[in-house]
Amino acid sequence: MAGGWRIVKTMAMRITKLRPYDGVSAELAAATSLFASTAMGIPVSTTHTITGAIVGVGAVHRLSAVRWGVARRVVWAWVLTIPCAAIVAAVVYRLLTLLPLPHG
């Protein structure tokens, strides 16, 4: 909720320059991938899917149209998100199990 606009701005403007038909192509490709994976019972991330589609649209024009440094930072954020979320969840769980339960 707090970083939503930043994510949208990075996806739409910083990875590659999207024109309206580029955006439609990326959305259609992402939606097709999501529907197909859902039909096969494969769990996928919508954010990863749309990011891959946006990078793909940029790369179709030319590889240099994609800002690979930005894409690399996005991938590192994904790699770090899961272990960081696990650590935070473990700490919160531990803190909650140390609290006394109310009687009632």
PDB file of N, CA and C in Angstrom:
ATOM      1  N   MET A   1       0.827  -1.179   0.000  1.00  0.00           N
ATOM      2  CA  MET A   1       0.000   0.000   0.000  1.00  0.00           C
ATOM      3  C   MET A   1       0.879   1.253   0.000  1.00  0.00           C
ATOM      4  N   ALA A   2       1.941   1.250   0.763  1.00  0.00           N
ATOM      5  CA  ALA A   2       2.770   2.438   0.847  1.00  0.00           C
ATOM      6  C   ALA A   2       3.658   2.604  -0.378  1.00  0.00           C
ATOM      7  N   GLY A   3       4.090   1.498  -0.983  1.00  0.00           N
ATOM      8  CA  GLY A   3       5.016   1.598  -2.107  1.00  0.00           C
ATOM      9  C   GLY A   3       4.380   1.325  -3.450  1.00  0.00           C
ATOM     10  N   GLY A   4       3.062   1.271  -3.504  1.00  0.00           N
ATOM     11  CA  GLY A   4       2.371   0.905  -4.736  1.00  0.00           C
ATOM     12  C   GLY A   4       2.703   1.791  -5.923  1.00  0.00           C
ATOM     13  N   TRP A   5       2.673   3.099  -5.728  1.00  0.00           N
ATOM     14  CA  TRP A   5       2.946   4.011  -6.835  1.00  0.00           C
ATOM     15  C   TRP A   5       4.379   3.850  -7.320  1.00  0.00           C
ATOM     16  N   ARG A   6       5.294   3.633  -6.403  1.00  0.00           N
ATOM     17  CA  ARG A   6       6.699   3.442  -6.781  1.00  0.00           C
ATOM     18  C   ARG A   6       6.863   2.202  -7.659  1.00  0.00           C
ATOM     19  N   ILE A   7       6.147   1.151  -7.324  1.00  0.00           N
ATOM     20  CA  ILE A   7       6.215  -0.079  -8.112  1.00  0.00           C
ATOM     21  C   ILE A   7       5.653   0.154  -9.505  1.00  0.00           C
ATOM     22  N   VAL A   8       4.500   0.800  -9.589  1.00  0.00           N
ATOM     23  CA  VAL A   8       3.888   1.079 -10.887  1.00  0.00           C
ATOM     24  C   VAL A   8       4.811   1.950 -11.731  1.00  0.00           C
ATOM     25  N   LYS A   9       5.387   2.976 -11.116  1.00  0.00           N
ATOM     26  CA  LYS A   9       6.285   3.873 -11.844  1.00  0.00           C
ATOM     27  C   LYS A   9       7.510   3.120 -12.362  1.00  0.00           C
ATOM     28  N   THR A  10       8.082   2.260 -11.531  1.00  0.00           N
ATOM     29  CA  THR A  10       9.242   1.478 -11.956  1.00  0.00           C
ATOM     30  C   THR A  10       8.871   0.557 -13.104  1.00  0.00           C
ATOM     31  N   MET A  11       7.746  -0.125 -12.993  1.00  0.00           N
ATOM     32  CA  MET A  11       7.341  -1.061 -14.038  1.00  0.00           C
ATOM     33  C   MET A  11       7.058  -0.351 -15.359  1.00  0.00           C
ATOM     34  N   ALA A  12       6.341   0.743 -15.289  1.00  0.00           N
ATOM     35  CA  ALA A  12       5.866   1.388 -16.516  1.00  0.00           C
ATOM     36  C   ALA A  12       6.866   2.334 -17.144  1.00  0.00           C
ATOM     37  N   MET A  13       7.749   2.916 -16.354  1.00  0.00           N
ATOM     38  CA  MET A  13       8.599   3.972 -16.908  1.00  0.00           C
ATOM     39  C   MET A  13      10.093   3.708 -16.785  1.00  0.00           C
ATOM     40  N   ARG A  14      10.509   2.924 -15.823  1.00  0.00           N
ATOM     41  CA  ARG A  14      11.943   2.806 -15.595  1.00  0.00           C
ATOM     42  C   ARG A  14      12.559   1.582 -16.245  1.00  0.00           C
ATOM     43  N   ILE A  15      11.832   0.476 -16.350  1.00  0.00           N
ATOM     44  CA  ILE A  15      12.419  -0.717 -16.966  1.00  0.00           C
ATOM     45  C   ILE A  15      12.585  -0.501 -18.465  1.00  0.00           C
ATOM     46  N   THR A  16      11.567  -0.027 -19.116  1.00  0.00           N
ATOM     47  CA  THR A  16      11.612   0.309 -20.540  1.00  0.00           C
ATOM     48  C   THR A  16      10.502   1.307 -20.810  1.00  0.00           C
ATOM     49  N   LYS A  17      10.614   2.032 -21.879  1.00  0.00           N
ATOM     50  CA  LYS A  17       9.572   3.007 -22.205  1.00  0.00           C
ATOM     51  C   LYS A  17       8.421   2.270 -22.881  1.00  0.00           C
ATOM     52  N   LEU A  18       7.252   2.343 -22.261  1.00  0.00           N
ATOM     53  CA  LEU A  18       6.081   1.663 -22.809  1.00  0.00           C
ATOM     54  C   LEU A  18       5.186   2.645 -23.540  1.00  0.00           C
ATOM     55  N   ARG A  19       4.830   2.274 -24.745  1.00  0.00           N
ATOM     56  CA  ARG A  19       3.801   3.004 -25.484  1.00  0.00           C
ATOM     57  C   ARG A  19       2.492   2.259 -25.284  1.00  0.00           C
ATOM     58  N   PRO A  20       1.354   2.859 -25.636  1.00  0.00           N
ATOM     59  CA  PRO A  20       0.074   2.192 -25.360  1.00  0.00           C
ATOM     60  C   PRO A  20      -0.017   0.772 -25.915  1.00  0.00           C
ATOM     61  N   TYR A  21       0.409   0.541 -27.145  1.00  0.00           N
ATOM     62  CA  TYR A  21       0.297  -0.810 -27.683  1.00  0.00           C
ATOM     63  C   TYR A  21       1.314  -1.754 -27.051  1.00  0.00           C
ATOM     64  N   ASP A  22       2.416  -1.224 -26.536  1.00  0.00           N
ATOM     65  CA  ASP A  22       3.360  -2.056 -25.792  1.00  0.00           C
ATOM     66  C   ASP A  22       2.715  -2.535 -24.490  1.00  0.00           C
ATOM     67  N   GLY A  23       2.022  -1.606 -23.819  1.00  0.00           N
ATOM     68  CA  GLY A  23       1.345  -1.952 -22.576  1.00  0.00           C
ATOM     69  C   GLY A  23       0.265  -2.999 -22.784  1.00  0.00           C
ATOM     70  N   VAL A  24      -0.495  -2.858 -23.866  1.00  0.00           N
ATOM     71  CA  VAL A  24      -1.542  -3.834 -24.181  1.00  0.00           C
ATOM     72  C   VAL A  24      -0.916  -5.193 -24.444  1.00  0.00           C
ATOM     73  N   SER A  25       0.179  -5.214 -25.191  1.00  0.00           N
ATOM     74  CA  SER A  25       0.864  -6.473 -25.493  1.00  0.00           C
ATOM     75  C   SER A  25       1.381  -7.138 -24.226  1.00  0.00           C
ATOM     76  N   ALA A  26       1.988  -6.345 -23.346  1.00  0.00           N
ATOM     77  CA  ALA A  26       2.508  -6.897 -22.089  1.00  0.00           C
ATOM     78  C   ALA A  26       1.375  -7.437 -21.220  1.00  0.00           C
ATOM     79  N   GLU A  27       0.289  -6.694 -21.123  1.00  0.00           N
ATOM     80  CA  GLU A  27      -0.852  -7.143 -20.313  1.00  0.00           C
ATOM     81  C   GLU A  27      -1.475  -8.415 -20.880  1.00  0.00           C
ATOM     82  N   LEU A  28      -1.611  -8.475 -22.212  1.00  0.00           N
ATOM     83  CA  LEU A  28      -2.180  -9.665 -22.841  1.00  0.00           C
ATOM     84  C   LEU A  28      -1.278 -10.881 -22.629  1.00  0.00           C
ATOM     85  N   ALA A  29       0.018 -10.691 -22.776  1.00  0.00           N
ATOM     86  CA  ALA A  29       0.960 -11.792 -22.559  1.00  0.00           C
ATOM     87  C   ALA A  29       0.927 -12.260 -21.103  1.00  0.00           C
ATOM     88  N   ALA A  30       0.905 -11.320 -20.174  1.00  0.00           N
ATOM     89  CA  ALA A  30       0.868 -11.681 -18.754  1.00  0.00           C
ATOM     90  C   ALA A  30      -0.438 -12.397 -18.412  1.00  0.00           C
ATOM     91  N   ALA A  31      -1.554 -11.878 -18.917  1.00  0.00           N
ATOM     92  CA  ALA A  31      -2.849 -12.506 -18.633  1.00  0.00           C
ATOM     93  C   ALA A  31      -2.908 -13.920 -19.198  1.00  0.00           C
ATOM     94  N   THR A  32      -2.400 -14.096 -20.409  1.00  0.00           N
ATOM     95  CA  THR A  32      -2.380 -15.428 -21.027  1.00  0.00           C
ATOM     96  C   THR A  32      -1.534 -16.383 -20.188  1.00  0.00           C
ATOM     97  N   SER A  33      -0.378 -15.924 -19.748  1.00  0.00           N
ATOM     98  CA  SER A  33       0.490 -16.758 -18.909  1.00  0.00           C
ATOM     99  C   SER A  33      -0.195 -17.118 -17.595  1.00  0.00           C
ATOM    100  N   LEU A  34      -0.866 -16.140 -16.993  1.00  0.00           N
ATOM    101  CA  LEU A  34      -1.549 -16.399 -15.722  1.00  0.00           C
ATOM    102  C   LEU A  34      -2.706 -17.374 -15.880  1.00  0.00           C
ATOM    103  N   PHE A  35      -3.498 -17.200 -16.933  1.00  0.00           N
ATOM    104  CA  PHE A  35      -4.614 -18.130 -17.172  1.00  0.00           C
ATOM    105  C   PHE A  35      -4.104 -19.538 -17.432  1.00  0.00           C
ATOM    106  N   ALA A  36      -3.050 -19.662 -18.239  1.00  0.00           N
ATOM    107  CA  ALA A  36      -2.503 -20.980 -18.563  1.00  0.00           C
ATOM    108  C   ALA A  36      -1.925 -21.654 -17.318  1.00  0.00           C
ATOM    109  N   SER A  37      -1.175 -20.910 -16.529  1.00  0.00           N
ATOM    110  CA  SER A  37      -0.585 -21.514 -15.327  1.00  0.00           C
ATOM    111  C   SER A  37      -1.662 -21.879 -14.311  1.00  0.00           C
ATOM    112  N   THR A  38      -2.694 -21.064 -14.203  1.00  0.00           N
ATOM    113  CA  THR A  38      -3.804 -21.384 -13.298  1.00  0.00           C
ATOM    114  C   THR A  38      -4.524 -22.646 -13.753  1.00  0.00           C
ATOM    115  N   ALA A  39      -4.745 -22.765 -15.055  1.00  0.00           N
ATOM    116  CA  ALA A  39      -5.412 -23.948 -15.591  1.00  0.00           C
ATOM    117  C   ALA A  39      -4.603 -25.216 -15.322  1.00  0.00           C
ATOM    118  N   MET A  40      -3.282 -25.091 -15.286  1.00  0.00           N
ATOM    119  CA  MET A  40      -2.417 -26.237 -15.016  1.00  0.00           C
ATOM    120  C   MET A  40      -2.129 -26.419 -13.530  1.00  0.00           C
ATOM    121  N   GLY A  41      -2.655 -25.511 -12.693  1.00  0.00           N
ATOM    122  CA  GLY A  41      -2.459 -25.611 -11.254  1.00  0.00           C
ATOM    123  C   GLY A  41      -1.077 -25.187 -10.789  1.00  0.00           C
ATOM    124  N   ILE A  42      -0.409 -24.351 -11.578  1.00  0.00           N
ATOM    125  CA  ILE A  42       0.937 -23.898 -11.230  1.00  0.00           C
ATOM    126  C   ILE A  42       0.830 -22.528 -10.556  1.00  0.00           C
ATOM    127  N   PRO A  43       1.332 -22.397  -9.332  1.00  0.00           N
ATOM    128  CA  PRO A  43       1.279 -21.085  -8.665  1.00  0.00           C
ATOM    129  C   PRO A  43       2.342 -20.144  -9.243  1.00  0.00           C
ATOM    130  N   VAL A  44       1.926 -18.954  -9.609  1.00  0.00           N
ATOM    131  CA  VAL A  44       2.862 -17.957 -10.125  1.00  0.00           C
ATOM    132  C   VAL A  44       2.539 -16.596  -9.509  1.00  0.00           C
ATOM    133  N   SER A  45       3.508 -15.725  -9.527  1.00  0.00           N
ATOM    134  CA  SER A  45       3.326 -14.377  -9.019  1.00  0.00           C
ATOM    135  C   SER A  45       2.877 -13.461 -10.151  1.00  0.00           C
ATOM    136  N   THR A  46       1.832 -12.705  -9.916  1.00  0.00           N
ATOM    137  CA  THR A  46       1.364 -11.768 -10.935  1.00  0.00           C
ATOM    138  C   THR A  46       2.399 -10.684 -11.194  1.00  0.00           C
ATOM    139  N   THR A  47       3.088 -10.244 -10.149  1.00  0.00           N
ATOM    140  CA  THR A  47       4.105  -9.207 -10.318  1.00  0.00           C
ATOM    141  C   THR A  47       5.261  -9.709 -11.160  1.00  0.00           C
ATOM    142  N   HIS A  48       5.710 -10.922 -10.895  1.00  0.00           N
ATOM    143  CA  HIS A  48       6.791 -11.492 -11.696  1.00  0.00           C
ATOM    144  C   HIS A  48       6.362 -11.654 -13.152  1.00  0.00           C
ATOM    145  N   THR A  49       5.121 -12.074 -13.342  1.00  0.00           N
ATOM    146  CA  THR A  49       4.626 -12.306 -14.693  1.00  0.00           C
ATOM    147  C   THR A  49       4.563 -11.016 -15.493  1.00  0.00           C
ATOM    148  N   ILE A  50       4.005  -9.952 -14.931  1.00  0.00           N
ATOM    149  CA  ILE A  50       3.894  -8.702 -15.677  1.00  0.00           C
ATOM    150  C   ILE A  50       5.266  -8.077 -15.891  1.00  0.00           C
ATOM    151  N   THR A  51       6.160  -8.230 -14.930  1.00  0.00           N
ATOM    152  CA  THR A  51       7.507  -7.694 -15.112  1.00  0.00           C
ATOM    153  C   THR A  51       8.215  -8.405 -16.252  1.00  0.00           C
ATOM    154  N   GLY A  52       8.099  -9.711 -16.303  1.00  0.00           N
ATOM    155  CA  GLY A  52       8.687 -10.468 -17.410  1.00  0.00           C
ATOM    156  C   GLY A  52       8.105 -10.056 -18.742  1.00  0.00           C
ATOM    157  N   ALA A  53       6.802  -9.811 -18.777  1.00  0.00           N
ATOM    158  CA  ALA A  53       6.165  -9.388 -20.022  1.00  0.00           C
ATOM    159  C   ALA A  53       6.648  -8.002 -20.446  1.00  0.00           C
ATOM    160  N   ILE A  54       6.815  -7.099 -19.494  1.00  0.00           N
ATOM    161  CA  ILE A  54       7.298  -5.750 -19.813  1.00  0.00           C
ATOM    162  C   ILE A  54       8.728  -5.809 -20.325  1.00  0.00           C
ATOM    163  N   VAL A  55       9.573  -6.596 -19.684  1.00  0.00           N
ATOM    164  CA  VAL A  55      10.950  -6.763 -20.162  1.00  0.00           C
ATOM    165  C   VAL A  55      10.939  -7.365 -21.561  1.00  0.00           C
ATOM    166  N   GLY A  56      10.065  -8.323 -21.790  1.00  0.00           N
ATOM    167  CA  GLY A  56       9.958  -8.943 -23.114  1.00  0.00           C
ATOM    168  C   GLY A  56       9.551  -7.953 -24.190  1.00  0.00           C
ATOM    169  N   VAL A  57       8.591  -7.097 -23.887  1.00  0.00           N
ATOM    170  CA  VAL A  57       8.160  -6.079 -24.857  1.00  0.00           C
ATOM    171  C   VAL A  57       9.303  -5.129 -25.174  1.00  0.00           C
ATOM    172  N   GLY A  58      10.035  -4.717 -24.141  1.00  0.00           N
ATOM    173  CA  GLY A  58      11.174  -3.829 -24.380  1.00  0.00           C
ATOM    174  C   GLY A  58      12.257  -4.510 -25.195  1.00  0.00           C
ATOM    175  N   ALA A  59      12.519  -5.782 -24.901  1.00  0.00           N
ATOM    176  CA  ALA A  59      13.575  -6.513 -25.600  1.00  0.00           C
ATOM    177  C   ALA A  59      13.233  -6.780 -27.062  1.00  0.00           C
ATOM    178  N   VAL A  60      11.935  -6.849 -27.378  1.00  0.00           N
ATOM    179  CA  VAL A  60      11.537  -7.061 -28.773  1.00  0.00           C
ATOM    180  C   VAL A  60      11.972  -5.885 -29.638  1.00  0.00           C
ATOM    181  N   HIS A  61      11.853  -4.684 -29.102  1.00  0.00           N
ATOM    182  CA  HIS A  61      12.277  -3.502 -29.859  1.00  0.00           C
ATOM    183  C   HIS A  61      13.781  -3.538 -30.092  1.00  0.00           C
ATOM    184  N   ARG A  62      14.533  -3.690 -29.016  1.00  0.00           N
ATOM    185  CA  ARG A  62      15.982  -3.906 -29.053  1.00  0.00           C
ATOM    186  C   ARG A  62      16.425  -4.168 -27.617  1.00  0.00           C
ATOM    187  N   LEU A  63      17.454  -4.950 -27.455  1.00  0.00           N
ATOM    188  CA  LEU A  63      17.901  -5.307 -26.113  1.00  0.00           C
ATOM    189  C   LEU A  63      18.330  -4.089 -25.304  1.00  0.00           C
ATOM    190  N   SER A  64      18.854  -3.092 -25.984  1.00  0.00           N
ATOM    191  CA  SER A  64      19.295  -1.894 -25.264  1.00  0.00           C
ATOM    192  C   SER A  64      18.126  -1.021 -24.807  1.00  0.00           C
ATOM    193  N   ALA A  65      16.901  -1.333 -25.247  1.00  0.00           N
ATOM    194  CA  ALA A  65      15.731  -0.574 -24.814  1.00  0.00           C
ATOM    195  C   ALA A  65      15.367  -0.903 -23.367  1.00  0.00           C
ATOM    196  N   VAL A  66      15.842  -2.034 -22.871  1.00  0.00           N
ATOM    197  CA  VAL A  66      15.574  -2.444 -21.497  1.00  0.00           C
ATOM    198  C   VAL A  66      16.693  -1.915 -20.612  1.00  0.00           C
ATOM    199  N   ARG A  67      16.313  -1.303 -19.531  1.00  0.00           N
ATOM    200  CA  ARG A  67      17.312  -0.840 -18.559  1.00  0.00           C
ATOM    201  C   ARG A  67      17.612  -2.019 -17.634  1.00  0.00           C
ATOM    202  N   TRP A  68      18.640  -2.755 -17.996  1.00  0.00           N
ATOM    203  CA  TRP A  68      18.945  -4.010 -17.315  1.00  0.00           C
ATOM    204  C   TRP A  68      19.352  -3.794 -15.860  1.00  0.00           C
ATOM    205  N   GLY A  69      19.896  -2.643 -15.534  1.00  0.00           N
ATOM    206  CA  GLY A  69      20.241  -2.355 -14.140  1.00  0.00           C
ATOM    207  C   GLY A  69      19.006  -2.292 -13.260  1.00  0.00           C
ATOM    208  N   VAL A  70      17.945  -1.663 -13.787  1.00  0.00           N
ATOM    209  CA  VAL A  70      16.679  -1.583 -13.042  1.00  0.00           C
ATOM    210  C   VAL A  70      16.085  -2.978 -12.913  1.00  0.00           C
ATOM    211  N   ALA A  71      16.090  -3.738 -14.013  1.00  0.00           N
ATOM    212  CA  ALA A  71      15.549  -5.103 -13.981  1.00  0.00           C
ATOM    213  C   ALA A  71      16.326  -5.958 -12.981  1.00  0.00           C
ATOM    214  N   ARG A  72      17.632  -5.792 -12.921  1.00  0.00           N
ATOM    215  CA  ARG A  72      18.468  -6.550 -11.974  1.00  0.00           C
ATOM    216  C   ARG A  72      18.087  -6.210 -10.533  1.00  0.00           C
ATOM    217  N   ARG A  73      17.851  -4.927 -10.256  1.00  0.00           N
ATOM    218  CA  ARG A  73      17.453  -4.528  -8.903  1.00  0.00           C
ATOM    219  C   ARG A  73      16.093  -5.118  -8.519  1.00  0.00           C
ATOM    220  N   VAL A  74      15.178  -5.185  -9.477  1.00  0.00           N
ATOM    221  CA  VAL A  74      13.862  -5.779  -9.221  1.00  0.00           C
ATOM    222  C   VAL A  74      14.026  -7.256  -8.874  1.00  0.00           C
ATOM    223  N   VAL A  75      14.855  -7.967  -9.633  1.00  0.00           N
ATOM    224  CA  VAL A  75      15.076  -9.392  -9.367  1.00  0.00           C
ATOM    225  C   VAL A  75      15.708  -9.588  -7.992  1.00  0.00           C
ATOM    226  N   TRP A  76      16.679  -8.753  -7.622  1.00  0.00           N
ATOM    227  CA  TRP A  76      17.283  -8.862  -6.293  1.00  0.00           C
ATOM    228  C   TRP A  76      16.247  -8.608  -5.199  1.00  0.00           C
ATOM    229  N   ALA A  77      15.349  -7.676  -5.435  1.00  0.00           N
ATOM    230  CA  ALA A  77      14.284  -7.427  -4.450  1.00  0.00           C
ATOM    231  C   ALA A  77      13.434  -8.681  -4.270  1.00  0.00           C
ATOM    232  N   TRP A  78      13.132  -9.385  -5.377  1.00  0.00           N
ATOM    233  CA  TRP A  78      12.364 -10.629  -5.287  1.00  0.00           C
ATOM    234  C   TRP A  78      13.134 -11.685  -4.515  1.00  0.00           C
ATOM    235  N   VAL A  79      14.417 -11.814  -4.794  1.00  0.00           N
ATOM    236  CA  VAL A  79      15.235 -12.830  -4.136  1.00  0.00           C
ATOM    237  C   VAL A  79      15.302 -12.576  -2.633  1.00  0.00           C
ATOM    238  N   LEU A  80      15.389 -11.324  -2.244  1.00  0.00           N
ATOM    239  CA  LEU A  80      15.501 -10.991  -0.829  1.00  0.00           C
ATOM    240  C   LEU A  80      14.168 -10.995  -0.092  1.00  0.00           C
ATOM    241  N   THR A  81      13.065 -10.835  -0.804  1.00  0.00           N
ATOM    242  CA  THR A  81      11.755 -10.726  -0.167  1.00  0.00           C
ATOM    243  C   THR A  81      11.376 -11.975   0.617  1.00  0.00           C
ATOM    244  N   ILE A  82      11.560 -13.142   0.049  1.00  0.00           N
ATOM    245  CA  ILE A  82      11.118 -14.381   0.709  1.00  0.00           C
ATOM    246  C   ILE A  82      11.889 -14.639   1.998  1.00  0.00           C
ATOM    247  N   PRO A  83      13.228 -14.624   1.996  1.00  0.00           N
ATOM    248  CA  PRO A  83      13.908 -14.864   3.271  1.00  0.00           C
ATOM    249  C   PRO A  83      13.652 -13.760   4.309  1.00  0.00           C
ATOM    250  N   CYS A  84      13.555 -12.516   3.853  1.00  0.00           N
ATOM    251  CA  CYS A  84      13.278 -11.427   4.799  1.00  0.00           C
ATOM    252  C   CYS A  84      11.887 -11.583   5.415  1.00  0.00           C
ATOM    253  N   ALA A  85      10.904 -11.943   4.611  1.00  0.00           N
ATOM    254  CA  ALA A  85       9.549 -12.161   5.128  1.00  0.00           C
ATOM    255  C   ALA A  85       9.535 -13.338   6.104  1.00  0.00           C
ATOM    256  N   ALA A  86      10.312 -14.376   5.815  1.00  0.00           N
ATOM    257  CA  ALA A  86      10.386 -15.529   6.721  1.00  0.00           C
ATOM    258  C   ALA A  86      11.002 -15.128   8.059  1.00  0.00           C
ATOM    259  N   ILE A  87      12.033 -14.313   8.022  1.00  0.00           N
ATOM    260  CA  ILE A  87      12.676 -13.865   9.257  1.00  0.00           C
ATOM    261  C   ILE A  87      11.718 -13.012  10.087  1.00  0.00           C
ATOM    262  N   VAL A  88      11.033 -12.082   9.451  1.00  0.00           N
ATOM    263  CA  VAL A  88      10.069 -11.228  10.165  1.00  0.00           C
ATOM    264  C   VAL A  88       8.954 -12.087  10.757  1.00  0.00           C
ATOM    265  N   ALA A  89       8.458 -13.050   9.996  1.00  0.00           N
ATOM    266  CA  ALA A  89       7.398 -13.928  10.498  1.00  0.00           C
ATOM    267  C   ALA A  89       7.877 -14.735  11.702  1.00  0.00           C
ATOM    268  N   ALA A  90       9.113 -15.222  11.655  1.00  0.00           N
ATOM    269  CA  ALA A  90       9.652 -15.995  12.780  1.00  0.00           C
ATOM    270  C   ALA A  90       9.784 -15.126  14.026  1.00  0.00           C
ATOM    271  N   VAL A  91      10.249 -13.906  13.856  1.00  0.00           N
ATOM    272  CA  VAL A  91      10.401 -12.999  15.004  1.00  0.00           C
ATOM    273  C   VAL A  91       9.030 -12.673  15.604  1.00  0.00           C
ATOM    274  N   VAL A  92       8.065 -12.348  14.766  1.00  0.00           N
ATOM    275  CA  VAL A  92       6.721 -12.030  15.255  1.00  0.00           C
ATOM    276  C   VAL A  92       6.106 -13.240  15.955  1.00  0.00           C
ATOM    277  N   TYR A  93       6.269 -14.414  15.376  1.00  0.00           N
ATOM    278  CA  TYR A  93       5.745 -15.639  15.995  1.00  0.00           C
ATOM    279  C   TYR A  93       6.366 -15.849  17.370  1.00  0.00           C
ATOM    280  N   ARG A  94       7.682 -15.704  17.438  1.00  0.00           N
ATOM    281  CA  ARG A  94       8.377 -15.892  18.717  1.00  0.00           C
ATOM    282  C   ARG A  94       7.878 -14.885  19.753  1.00  0.00           C
ATOM    283  N   LEU A  95       7.737 -13.637  19.349  1.00  0.00           N
ATOM    284  CA  LEU A  95       7.238 -12.611  20.284  1.00  0.00           C
ATOM    285  C   LEU A  95       5.822 -12.928  20.751  1.00  0.00           C
ATOM    286  N   LEU A  96       4.978 -13.373  19.827  1.00  0.00           N
ATOM    287  CA  LEU A  96       3.598 -13.690  20.197  1.00  0.00           C
ATOM    288  C   LEU A  96       3.505 -14.906  21.095  1.00  0.00           C
ATOM    289  N   THR A  97       4.398 -15.880  20.926  1.00  0.00           N
ATOM    290  CA  THR A  97       4.349 -17.068  21.786  1.00  0.00           C
ATOM    291  C   THR A  97       4.889 -16.774  23.177  1.00  0.00           C
ATOM    292  N   LEU A  98       5.642 -15.707  23.334  1.00  0.00           N
ATOM    293  CA  LEU A  98       6.150 -15.332  24.646  1.00  0.00           C
ATOM    294  C   LEU A  98       5.129 -14.539  25.458  1.00  0.00           C
ATOM    295  N   LEU A  99       4.132 -13.967  24.793  1.00  0.00           N
ATOM    296  CA  LEU A  99       3.107 -13.191  25.492  1.00  0.00           C
ATOM    297  C   LEU A  99       2.162 -14.119  26.236  1.00  0.00           C
ATOM    298  N   PRO A 100       1.753 -13.730  27.448  1.00  0.00           N
ATOM    299  CA  PRO A 100       0.785 -14.574  28.176  1.00  0.00           C
ATOM    300  C   PRO A 100      -0.597 -14.473  27.528  1.00  0.00           C
ATOM    301  N   LEU A 101      -1.299 -15.583  27.480  1.00  0.00           N
ATOM    302  CA  LEU A 101      -2.652 -15.593  26.926  1.00  0.00           C
ATOM    303  C   LEU A 101      -3.643 -15.080  27.961  1.00  0.00           C
ATOM    304  N   PRO A 102      -4.618 -14.282  27.532  1.00  0.00           N
ATOM    305  CA  PRO A 102      -5.634 -13.813  28.498  1.00  0.00           C
ATOM    306  C   PRO A 102      -6.554 -14.960  28.902  1.00  0.00           C
ATOM    307  N   HIS A 103      -6.969 -14.963  30.159  1.00  0.00           N
ATOM    308  CA  HIS A 103      -7.878 -15.984  30.642  1.00  0.00           C
ATOM    309  C   HIS A 103      -9.304 -15.518  30.444  1.00  0.00           C
ATOM    310  N   GLY A 104     -10.130 -16.380  29.945  1.00  0.00           N
ATOM    311  CA  GLY A 104     -11.499 -15.947  29.794  1.00  0.00           C
ATOM    312  C   GLY A 104     -12.352 -16.857  29.162  1.00  0.00           C
TER     313      GLY A 104
END
